[in-house]
Amino acid sequence: MATKIQKQKRFYESDFAFLVKAALYLLLGTVWVAWGGHRWLPAGVIVGFGLSKIEVLRINRKIEYALLVVGALFGLYSLGLTIYF
């Protein structure tokens, strides 16, 4: 009896796609929300964590988290986008 083994399809992404996603995660991490002139909420990090959970072609999740945290640190020191309320 021959059994048919199905192979799982693996999705590979190009180097360009990897670099674009890495840059987007870094930029997304720099987005902060500010009230009264002080940065209070790293909104980009929260959105980035959500996106990393549902991404189909994902790079290593640890790399995504590290890029978000580094971006958040850049954003905290005025190197990113701050949304004032």
C-alpha atoms as a PDB file:
ATOM      1  CA  MET A   1       0.000   0.000   0.000  1.00  0.00           C
ATOM      2  CA  ALA A   2       1.386   3.301  -1.036  1.00  0.00           C
ATOM      3  CA  THR A   3       0.452   6.303   0.993  1.00  0.00           C
ATOM      4  CA  LYS A   4       0.635   9.750  -0.413  1.00  0.00           C
ATOM      5  CA  ILE A   5       2.441  12.233   1.747  1.00  0.00           C
ATOM      6  CA  GLN A   6       1.493  15.820   1.221  1.00  0.00           C
ATOM      7  CA  LYS A   7       4.245  18.344   1.567  1.00  0.00           C
ATOM      8  CA  GLN A   8       3.499  21.608   3.240  1.00  0.00           C
ATOM      9  CA  LYS A   9       3.964  24.564   0.981  1.00  0.00           C
ATOM     10  CA  ARG A  10       6.565  26.948   2.264  1.00  0.00           C
ATOM     11  CA  PHE A  11       6.447  30.556   1.318  1.00  0.00           C
ATOM     12  CA  TYR A  12       9.803  32.139   0.797  1.00  0.00           C
ATOM     13  CA  GLU A  13      10.226  35.853   0.517  1.00  0.00           C
ATOM     14  CA  SER A  14      12.889  37.696  -1.397  1.00  0.00           C
ATOM     15  CA  ASP A  15      15.615  39.751   0.207  1.00  0.00           C
ATOM     16  CA  PHE A  16      13.903  42.927  -0.953  1.00  0.00           C
ATOM     17  CA  ALA A  17      10.648  41.935   0.759  1.00  0.00           C
ATOM     18  CA  PHE A  18      12.583  41.193   3.956  1.00  0.00           C
ATOM     19  CA  LEU A  19      14.268  44.612   3.908  1.00  0.00           C
ATOM     20  CA  VAL A  20      11.012  46.433   3.185  1.00  0.00           C
ATOM     21  CA  LYS A  21       9.241  44.687   6.052  1.00  0.00           C
ATOM     22  CA  ALA A  22      12.156  45.325   8.400  1.00  0.00           C
ATOM     23  CA  ALA A  23      12.136  49.021   7.511  1.00  0.00           C
ATOM     24  CA  LEU A  24       8.358  49.217   7.976  1.00  0.00           C
ATOM     25  CA  TYR A  25       8.529  47.582  11.399  1.00  0.00           C
ATOM     26  CA  LEU A  26      11.280  49.998  12.420  1.00  0.00           C
ATOM     27  CA  LEU A  27       9.264  53.000  11.228  1.00  0.00           C
ATOM     28  CA  LEU A  28       6.070  51.679  12.792  1.00  0.00           C
ATOM     29  CA  GLY A  29       7.832  51.421  16.138  1.00  0.00           C
ATOM     30  CA  THR A  30       8.605  55.144  16.106  1.00  0.00           C
ATOM     31  CA  VAL A  31       4.913  56.183  16.249  1.00  0.00           C
ATOM     32  CA  TRP A  32       3.913  57.563  19.652  1.00  0.00           C
ATOM     33  CA  VAL A  33       0.784  59.237  21.028  1.00  0.00           C
ATOM     34  CA  ALA A  34       1.293  62.282  23.261  1.00  0.00           C
ATOM     35  CA  TRP A  35      -1.003  64.120  25.675  1.00  0.00           C
ATOM     36  CA  GLY A  36      -0.041  67.455  27.113  1.00  0.00           C
ATOM     37  CA  GLY A  37       3.361  67.493  25.443  1.00  0.00           C
ATOM     38  CA  HIS A  38       4.534  64.159  26.896  1.00  0.00           C
ATOM     39  CA  ARG A  39       4.749  60.854  25.035  1.00  0.00           C
ATOM     40  CA  TRP A  40       2.559  58.324  26.814  1.00  0.00           C
ATOM     41  CA  LEU A  41       1.632  55.521  24.456  1.00  0.00           C
ATOM     42  CA  PRO A  42       3.794  53.695  21.891  1.00  0.00           C
ATOM     43  CA  ALA A  43       0.928  53.192  19.435  1.00  0.00           C
ATOM     44  CA  GLY A  44       3.176  51.839  16.675  1.00  0.00           C
ATOM     45  CA  VAL A  45       4.479  49.066  18.895  1.00  0.00           C
ATOM     46  CA  ILE A  46       0.961  47.971  19.801  1.00  0.00           C
ATOM     47  CA  VAL A  47      -0.126  47.922  16.152  1.00  0.00           C
ATOM     48  CA  GLY A  48       3.126  46.191  15.171  1.00  0.00           C
ATOM     49  CA  PHE A  49       2.604  43.392  17.701  1.00  0.00           C
ATOM     50  CA  GLY A  50      -0.839  42.806  16.242  1.00  0.00           C
ATOM     51  CA  LEU A  51       0.478  42.767  12.684  1.00  0.00           C
ATOM     52  CA  SER A  52       3.249  40.330  13.537  1.00  0.00           C
ATOM     53  CA  LYS A  53       0.657  37.824  14.768  1.00  0.00           C
ATOM     54  CA  ILE A  54      -1.389  37.790  11.546  1.00  0.00           C
ATOM     55  CA  GLU A  55       1.338  38.159   8.926  1.00  0.00           C
ATOM     56  CA  VAL A  56       1.420  35.402   6.294  1.00  0.00           C
ATOM     57  CA  LEU A  57       4.962  35.811   5.021  1.00  0.00           C
ATOM     58  CA  ARG A  58       6.632  36.414   8.325  1.00  0.00           C
ATOM     59  CA  ILE A  59      10.220  36.976   9.138  1.00  0.00           C
ATOM     60  CA  ASN A  60      11.408  35.676  12.448  1.00  0.00           C
ATOM     61  CA  ARG A  61       9.052  37.102  15.069  1.00  0.00           C
ATOM     62  CA  LYS A  62      11.928  37.881  17.421  1.00  0.00           C
ATOM     63  CA  ILE A  63      13.446  40.134  14.760  1.00  0.00           C
ATOM     64  CA  GLU A  64      10.099  41.893  14.306  1.00  0.00           C
ATOM     65  CA  TYR A  65       9.796  42.514  18.044  1.00  0.00           C
ATOM     66  CA  ALA A  66      13.380  43.768  18.280  1.00  0.00           C
ATOM     67  CA  LEU A  67      12.818  46.211  15.404  1.00  0.00           C
ATOM     68  CA  LEU A  68       9.641  47.503  17.054  1.00  0.00           C
ATOM     69  CA  VAL A  69      11.410  48.056  20.380  1.00  0.00           C
ATOM     70  CA  VAL A  70      14.377  49.801  18.755  1.00  0.00           C
ATOM     71  CA  GLY A  71      11.959  51.978  16.794  1.00  0.00           C
ATOM     72  CA  ALA A  72      10.102  52.808  20.005  1.00  0.00           C
ATOM     73  CA  LEU A  73      13.343  53.896  21.646  1.00  0.00           C
ATOM     74  CA  PHE A  74      14.152  56.092  18.639  1.00  0.00           C
ATOM     75  CA  GLY A  75      10.643  57.556  18.792  1.00  0.00           C
ATOM     76  CA  LEU A  76      10.947  58.244  22.495  1.00  0.00           C
ATOM     77  CA  TYR A  77      13.958  60.451  21.839  1.00  0.00           C
ATOM     78  CA  SER A  78      12.234  62.581  19.153  1.00  0.00           C
ATOM     79  CA  LEU A  79      13.368  60.620  16.107  1.00  0.00           C
ATOM     80  CA  GLY A  80       9.919  59.471  15.070  1.00  0.00           C
ATOM     81  CA  LEU A  81       6.330  60.451  14.512  1.00  0.00           C
ATOM     82  CA  THR A  82       4.396  61.802  17.491  1.00  0.00           C
ATOM     83  CA  ILE A  83       0.636  62.271  17.352  1.00  0.00           C
ATOM     84  CA  TYR A  84      -0.441  65.040  19.759  1.00  0.00           C
ATOM     85  CA  PHE A  85      -3.864  65.209  21.421  1.00  0.00           C
END
